[in-house]
Amino acid sequence: MTKSRDPIDVGELAAVLPRVGALMGLDLGTRTIGVAVSDPGRRIATPLTVIRRRKYTADAETLLALITDHAIAALVLGLPINMDGSEGPRSQATRAFARNLAALTDLPIALWDERLSTAAVTRTLLEADMSRRRRGDVVDKMAAAYILQGALDRLNAGQ
């Protein structure tokens, strides 16, 4: 185990990443965690799964297993920032989750501004005429992919 450390900005992530390796994106909700992964070349984010939240220890074990299964090089967590740029209780909970997870893995953990990600995904699913029930099944992992794709685009723009 590593000692707890603060998450970094996606801009800082590029400096600590290996040349090749998949990233994992997380959309942390109060009841679920949406999970997405990138290809090893870090070009495209793909929705993976939704974890139903239980206790932190169980959630972390599930995430660590997914990290191992998909040979993840780093994590990107969506940071829920208010529209005015301030951080509220959900942001603080996300930062705490990131610090706690950092104590369990040596992987870099970056934060990405997720403002409007769920709204954008929901709008896309509505436009696709997806039923409410089906939207509920996929919106969290789609939001994780949206968050991860934004981070990937930022990382790739810097190259």
C-alpha atoms as a PDB file:
ATOM      1  CA  MET A   1       0.000   0.000   0.000  1.00  0.00           C
ATOM      2  CA  THR A   2       1.030   3.537  -0.640  1.00  0.00           C
ATOM      3  CA  LYS A   3       0.562   6.494   1.613  1.00  0.00           C
ATOM      4  CA  SER A   4      -2.411   8.699   0.890  1.00  0.00           C
ATOM      5  CA  ARG A   5      -1.743  11.446  -1.635  1.00  0.00           C
ATOM      6  CA  ASP A   6      -3.791  14.137  -3.303  1.00  0.00           C
ATOM      7  CA  PRO A   7      -5.068  13.620  -6.839  1.00  0.00           C
ATOM      8  CA  ILE A   8      -3.469  15.575  -9.665  1.00  0.00           C
ATOM      9  CA  ASP A   9      -4.793  17.637 -12.548  1.00  0.00           C
ATOM     10  CA  VAL A  10      -5.089  15.979 -15.980  1.00  0.00           C
ATOM     11  CA  GLY A  11      -2.466  18.444 -17.223  1.00  0.00           C
ATOM     12  CA  GLU A  12      -0.003  16.949 -14.741  1.00  0.00           C
ATOM     13  CA  LEU A  13      -1.005  13.401 -15.659  1.00  0.00           C
ATOM     14  CA  ALA A  14       0.788  13.412 -19.020  1.00  0.00           C
ATOM     15  CA  ALA A  15       4.167  13.765 -17.303  1.00  0.00           C
ATOM     16  CA  VAL A  16       3.730  10.620 -15.195  1.00  0.00           C
ATOM     17  CA  LEU A  17       2.098   8.261 -17.707  1.00  0.00           C
ATOM     18  CA  PRO A  18       3.907   5.458 -19.515  1.00  0.00           C
ATOM     19  CA  ARG A  19       3.901   5.748 -23.332  1.00  0.00           C
ATOM     20  CA  VAL A  20       1.176   3.120 -23.662  1.00  0.00           C
ATOM     21  CA  GLY A  21      -1.495   1.988 -21.231  1.00  0.00           C
ATOM     22  CA  ALA A  22      -5.235   2.233 -20.774  1.00  0.00           C
ATOM     23  CA  LEU A  23      -6.865   4.808 -18.529  1.00  0.00           C
ATOM     24  CA  MET A  24      -9.981   4.277 -16.436  1.00  0.00           C
ATOM     25  CA  GLY A  25     -12.602   6.971 -16.007  1.00  0.00           C
ATOM     26  CA  LEU A  26     -14.954   7.083 -13.022  1.00  0.00           C
ATOM     27  CA  ASP A  27     -18.221   8.952 -12.528  1.00  0.00           C
ATOM     28  CA  LEU A  28     -18.804   8.820  -8.774  1.00  0.00           C
ATOM     29  CA  GLY A  29     -22.413   9.037  -7.711  1.00  0.00           C
ATOM     30  CA  THR A  30     -23.993   8.528  -4.322  1.00  0.00           C
ATOM     31  CA  ARG A  31     -25.539   5.191  -5.360  1.00  0.00           C
ATOM     32  CA  THR A  32     -23.374   4.107  -8.295  1.00  0.00           C
ATOM     33  CA  ILE A  33     -19.943   4.437  -9.862  1.00  0.00           C
ATOM     34  CA  GLY A  34     -19.878   4.609 -13.645  1.00  0.00           C
ATOM     35  CA  VAL A  35     -16.742   3.044 -15.108  1.00  0.00           C
ATOM     36  CA  ALA A  36     -15.177   3.518 -18.546  1.00  0.00           C
ATOM     37  CA  VAL A  37     -11.834   2.458 -20.023  1.00  0.00           C
ATOM     38  CA  SER A  38      -9.684   3.678 -22.878  1.00  0.00           C
ATOM     39  CA  ASP A  39      -7.729   1.729 -25.425  1.00  0.00           C
ATOM     40  CA  PRO A  40      -3.998   1.307 -24.597  1.00  0.00           C
ATOM     41  CA  GLY A  41      -3.153   4.101 -27.063  1.00  0.00           C
ATOM     42  CA  ARG A  42      -5.492   6.410 -25.108  1.00  0.00           C
ATOM     43  CA  ARG A  43      -7.597   7.613 -28.037  1.00  0.00           C
ATOM     44  CA  ILE A  44     -11.139   6.348 -27.336  1.00  0.00           C
ATOM     45  CA  ALA A  45     -13.121   5.953 -24.112  1.00  0.00           C
ATOM     46  CA  THR A  46     -15.568   3.051 -23.909  1.00  0.00           C
ATOM     47  CA  PRO A  47     -18.273   2.592 -21.250  1.00  0.00           C
ATOM     48  CA  LEU A  48     -17.506  -0.515 -19.184  1.00  0.00           C
ATOM     49  CA  THR A  49     -19.834  -1.062 -16.235  1.00  0.00           C
ATOM     50  CA  VAL A  50     -21.757   0.424 -13.340  1.00  0.00           C
ATOM     51  CA  ILE A  51     -20.830  -0.498  -9.783  1.00  0.00           C
ATOM     52  CA  ARG A  52     -23.691  -0.355  -7.282  1.00  0.00           C
ATOM     53  CA  ARG A  53     -22.205   1.410  -4.249  1.00  0.00           C
ATOM     54  CA  ARG A  54     -22.095  -0.485  -0.994  1.00  0.00           C
ATOM     55  CA  LYS A  55     -19.332   0.239   1.479  1.00  0.00           C
ATOM     56  CA  TYR A  56     -16.091   1.940   0.490  1.00  0.00           C
ATOM     57  CA  THR A  57     -14.026  -1.227   1.049  1.00  0.00           C
ATOM     58  CA  ALA A  58     -16.229  -3.310  -1.256  1.00  0.00           C
ATOM     59  CA  ASP A  59     -16.321  -0.543  -3.876  1.00  0.00           C
ATOM     60  CA  ALA A  60     -12.531  -0.208  -3.776  1.00  0.00           C
ATOM     61  CA  GLU A  61     -12.037  -3.988  -4.090  1.00  0.00           C
ATOM     62  CA  THR A  62     -14.267  -4.046  -7.168  1.00  0.00           C
ATOM     63  CA  LEU A  63     -12.380  -1.111  -8.707  1.00  0.00           C
ATOM     64  CA  LEU A  64      -8.976  -2.632  -7.960  1.00  0.00           C
ATOM     65  CA  ALA A  65     -10.055  -5.888  -9.639  1.00  0.00           C
ATOM     66  CA  LEU A  66     -11.182  -3.960 -12.739  1.00  0.00           C
ATOM     67  CA  ILE A  67      -7.896  -2.026 -12.734  1.00  0.00           C
ATOM     68  CA  THR A  68      -5.962  -5.308 -12.759  1.00  0.00           C
ATOM     69  CA  ASP A  69      -8.229  -6.971 -15.347  1.00  0.00           C
ATOM     70  CA  HIS A  70      -7.851  -4.073 -17.792  1.00  0.00           C
ATOM     71  CA  ALA A  71      -4.149  -3.269 -17.150  1.00  0.00           C
ATOM     72  CA  ILE A  72      -4.946   0.322 -16.206  1.00  0.00           C
ATOM     73  CA  ALA A  73      -2.107   2.884 -16.154  1.00  0.00           C
ATOM     74  CA  ALA A  74      -3.993   5.727 -14.415  1.00  0.00           C
ATOM     75  CA  LEU A  75      -7.418   6.807 -13.167  1.00  0.00           C
ATOM     76  CA  VAL A  76      -9.475   9.873 -14.081  1.00  0.00           C
ATOM     77  CA  LEU A  77     -12.262  10.823 -11.691  1.00  0.00           C
ATOM     78  CA  GLY A  78     -14.965  13.252 -12.644  1.00  0.00           C
ATOM     79  CA  LEU A  79     -14.925  16.222 -10.265  1.00  0.00           C
ATOM     80  CA  PRO A  80     -18.414  17.717  -9.822  1.00  0.00           C
ATOM     81  CA  ILE A  81     -17.733  21.442  -9.874  1.00  0.00           C
ATOM     82  CA  ASN A  82     -20.608  23.931  -9.543  1.00  0.00           C
ATOM     83  CA  MET A  83     -21.440  26.080 -12.544  1.00  0.00           C
ATOM     84  CA  ASP A  84     -19.850  29.108 -10.832  1.00  0.00           C
ATOM     85  CA  GLY A  85     -16.571  27.184 -10.480  1.00  0.00           C
ATOM     86  CA  SER A  86     -16.921  26.554  -6.745  1.00  0.00           C
ATOM     87  CA  GLU A  87     -16.695  23.160  -5.102  1.00  0.00           C
ATOM     88  CA  GLY A  88     -19.457  21.782  -2.945  1.00  0.00           C
ATOM     89  CA  PRO A  89     -19.961  18.685  -0.796  1.00  0.00           C
ATOM     90  CA  ARG A  90     -19.916  16.304  -3.798  1.00  0.00           C
ATOM     91  CA  SER A  91     -16.536  17.676  -4.882  1.00  0.00           C
ATOM     92  CA  GLN A  92     -15.153  17.154  -1.395  1.00  0.00           C
ATOM     93  CA  ALA A  93     -16.527  13.592  -1.340  1.00  0.00           C
ATOM     94  CA  THR A  94     -14.843  12.909  -4.698  1.00  0.00           C
ATOM     95  CA  ARG A  95     -11.528  14.298  -3.456  1.00  0.00           C
ATOM     96  CA  ALA A  96     -11.783  12.136  -0.314  1.00  0.00           C
ATOM     97  CA  PHE A  97     -12.579   9.049  -2.429  1.00  0.00           C
ATOM     98  CA  ALA A  98      -9.536   9.782  -4.618  1.00  0.00           C
ATOM     99  CA  ARG A  99      -7.236  10.177  -1.585  1.00  0.00           C
ATOM    100  CA  ASN A 100      -8.546   6.962  -0.029  1.00  0.00           C
ATOM    101  CA  LEU A 101      -8.097   5.074  -3.294  1.00  0.00           C
ATOM    102  CA  ALA A 102      -4.572   6.495  -3.654  1.00  0.00           C
ATOM    103  CA  ALA A 103      -3.695   4.728  -0.413  1.00  0.00           C
ATOM    104  CA  LEU A 104      -4.525   1.394  -2.102  1.00  0.00           C
ATOM    105  CA  THR A 105      -2.744   1.811  -5.440  1.00  0.00           C
ATOM    106  CA  ASP A 106       0.400   3.391  -6.861  1.00  0.00           C
ATOM    107  CA  LEU A 107      -1.453   4.480 -10.005  1.00  0.00           C
ATOM    108  CA  PRO A 108      -1.734   8.195 -10.670  1.00  0.00           C
ATOM    109  CA  ILE A 109      -5.216   9.570  -9.994  1.00  0.00           C
ATOM    110  CA  ALA A 110      -6.311  12.701 -11.842  1.00  0.00           C
ATOM    111  CA  LEU A 111      -9.428  14.834 -11.541  1.00  0.00           C
ATOM    112  CA  TRP A 112     -11.408  16.136 -14.521  1.00  0.00           C
ATOM    113  CA  ASP A 113     -14.085  18.821 -14.410  1.00  0.00           C
ATOM    114  CA  GLU A 114     -17.307  16.928 -15.071  1.00  0.00           C
ATOM    115  CA  ARG A 115     -19.703  19.878 -15.242  1.00  0.00           C
ATOM    116  CA  LEU A 116     -22.731  18.931 -17.327  1.00  0.00           C
ATOM    117  CA  SER A 117     -21.417  15.457 -18.250  1.00  0.00           C
ATOM    118  CA  THR A 118     -24.500  13.605 -17.009  1.00  0.00           C
ATOM    119  CA  ALA A 119     -26.779  16.221 -18.568  1.00  0.00           C
ATOM    120  CA  ALA A 120     -24.999  15.909 -21.931  1.00  0.00           C
ATOM    121  CA  VAL A 121     -25.193  12.121 -21.869  1.00  0.00           C
ATOM    122  CA  THR A 122     -28.857  12.158 -20.827  1.00  0.00           C
ATOM    123  CA  ARG A 123     -29.656  14.579 -23.657  1.00  0.00           C
ATOM    124  CA  THR A 124     -27.905  12.292 -26.151  1.00  0.00           C
ATOM    125  CA  LEU A 125     -29.801   9.261 -24.884  1.00  0.00           C
ATOM    126  CA  LEU A 126     -33.104  11.163 -25.071  1.00  0.00           C
ATOM    127  CA  GLU A 127     -32.322  12.157 -28.645  1.00  0.00           C
ATOM    128  CA  ALA A 128     -31.745   8.465 -29.366  1.00  0.00           C
ATOM    129  CA  ASP A 129     -35.278   7.866 -27.993  1.00  0.00           C
ATOM    130  CA  MET A 130     -33.981   5.535 -25.285  1.00  0.00           C
ATOM    131  CA  SER A 131     -36.508   4.540 -22.621  1.00  0.00           C
ATOM    132  CA  ARG A 132     -36.211   5.928 -19.095  1.00  0.00           C
ATOM    133  CA  ARG A 133     -35.420   2.471 -17.709  1.00  0.00           C
ATOM    134  CA  ARG A 134     -32.703   1.802 -20.277  1.00  0.00           C
ATOM    135  CA  ARG A 135     -31.229   5.303 -19.735  1.00  0.00           C
ATOM    136  CA  GLY A 136     -30.994   4.530 -16.026  1.00  0.00           C
ATOM    137  CA  ASP A 137     -29.017   1.389 -16.843  1.00  0.00           C
ATOM    138  CA  VAL A 138     -26.418   3.128 -18.999  1.00  0.00           C
ATOM    139  CA  VAL A 139     -26.208   6.819 -18.058  1.00  0.00           C
ATOM    140  CA  ASP A 140     -23.542   6.384 -15.347  1.00  0.00           C
ATOM    141  CA  LYS A 141     -21.111   4.391 -17.474  1.00  0.00           C
ATOM    142  CA  MET A 142     -21.788   6.703 -20.438  1.00  0.00           C
ATOM    143  CA  ALA A 143     -21.026   9.699 -18.184  1.00  0.00           C
ATOM    144  CA  ALA A 144     -17.766   7.994 -17.154  1.00  0.00           C
ATOM    145  CA  ALA A 145     -16.884   7.572 -20.844  1.00  0.00           C
ATOM    146  CA  TYR A 146     -17.756  11.241 -21.491  1.00  0.00           C
ATOM    147  CA  ILE A 147     -15.484  12.317 -18.618  1.00  0.00           C
ATOM    148  CA  LEU A 148     -12.666  10.029 -19.744  1.00  0.00           C
ATOM    149  CA  GLN A 149     -12.957  11.126 -23.387  1.00  0.00           C
ATOM    150  CA  GLY A 150     -12.624  14.763 -22.341  1.00  0.00           C
ATOM    151  CA  ALA A 151      -9.450  13.924 -20.420  1.00  0.00           C
ATOM    152  CA  LEU A 152      -8.089  11.848 -23.325  1.00  0.00           C
ATOM    153  CA  ASP A 153      -8.748  14.701 -25.750  1.00  0.00           C
ATOM    154  CA  ARG A 154      -6.878  17.072 -23.432  1.00  0.00           C
ATOM    155  CA  LEU A 155      -3.939  14.655 -23.083  1.00  0.00           C
ATOM    156  CA  ASN A 156      -3.768  14.097 -26.840  1.00  0.00           C
ATOM    157  CA  ALA A 157      -3.960  17.831 -27.603  1.00  0.00           C
ATOM    158  CA  GLY A 158      -0.757  18.312 -25.612  1.00  0.00           C
ATOM    159  CA  GLN A 159       1.226  15.933 -27.818  1.00  0.00           C
END
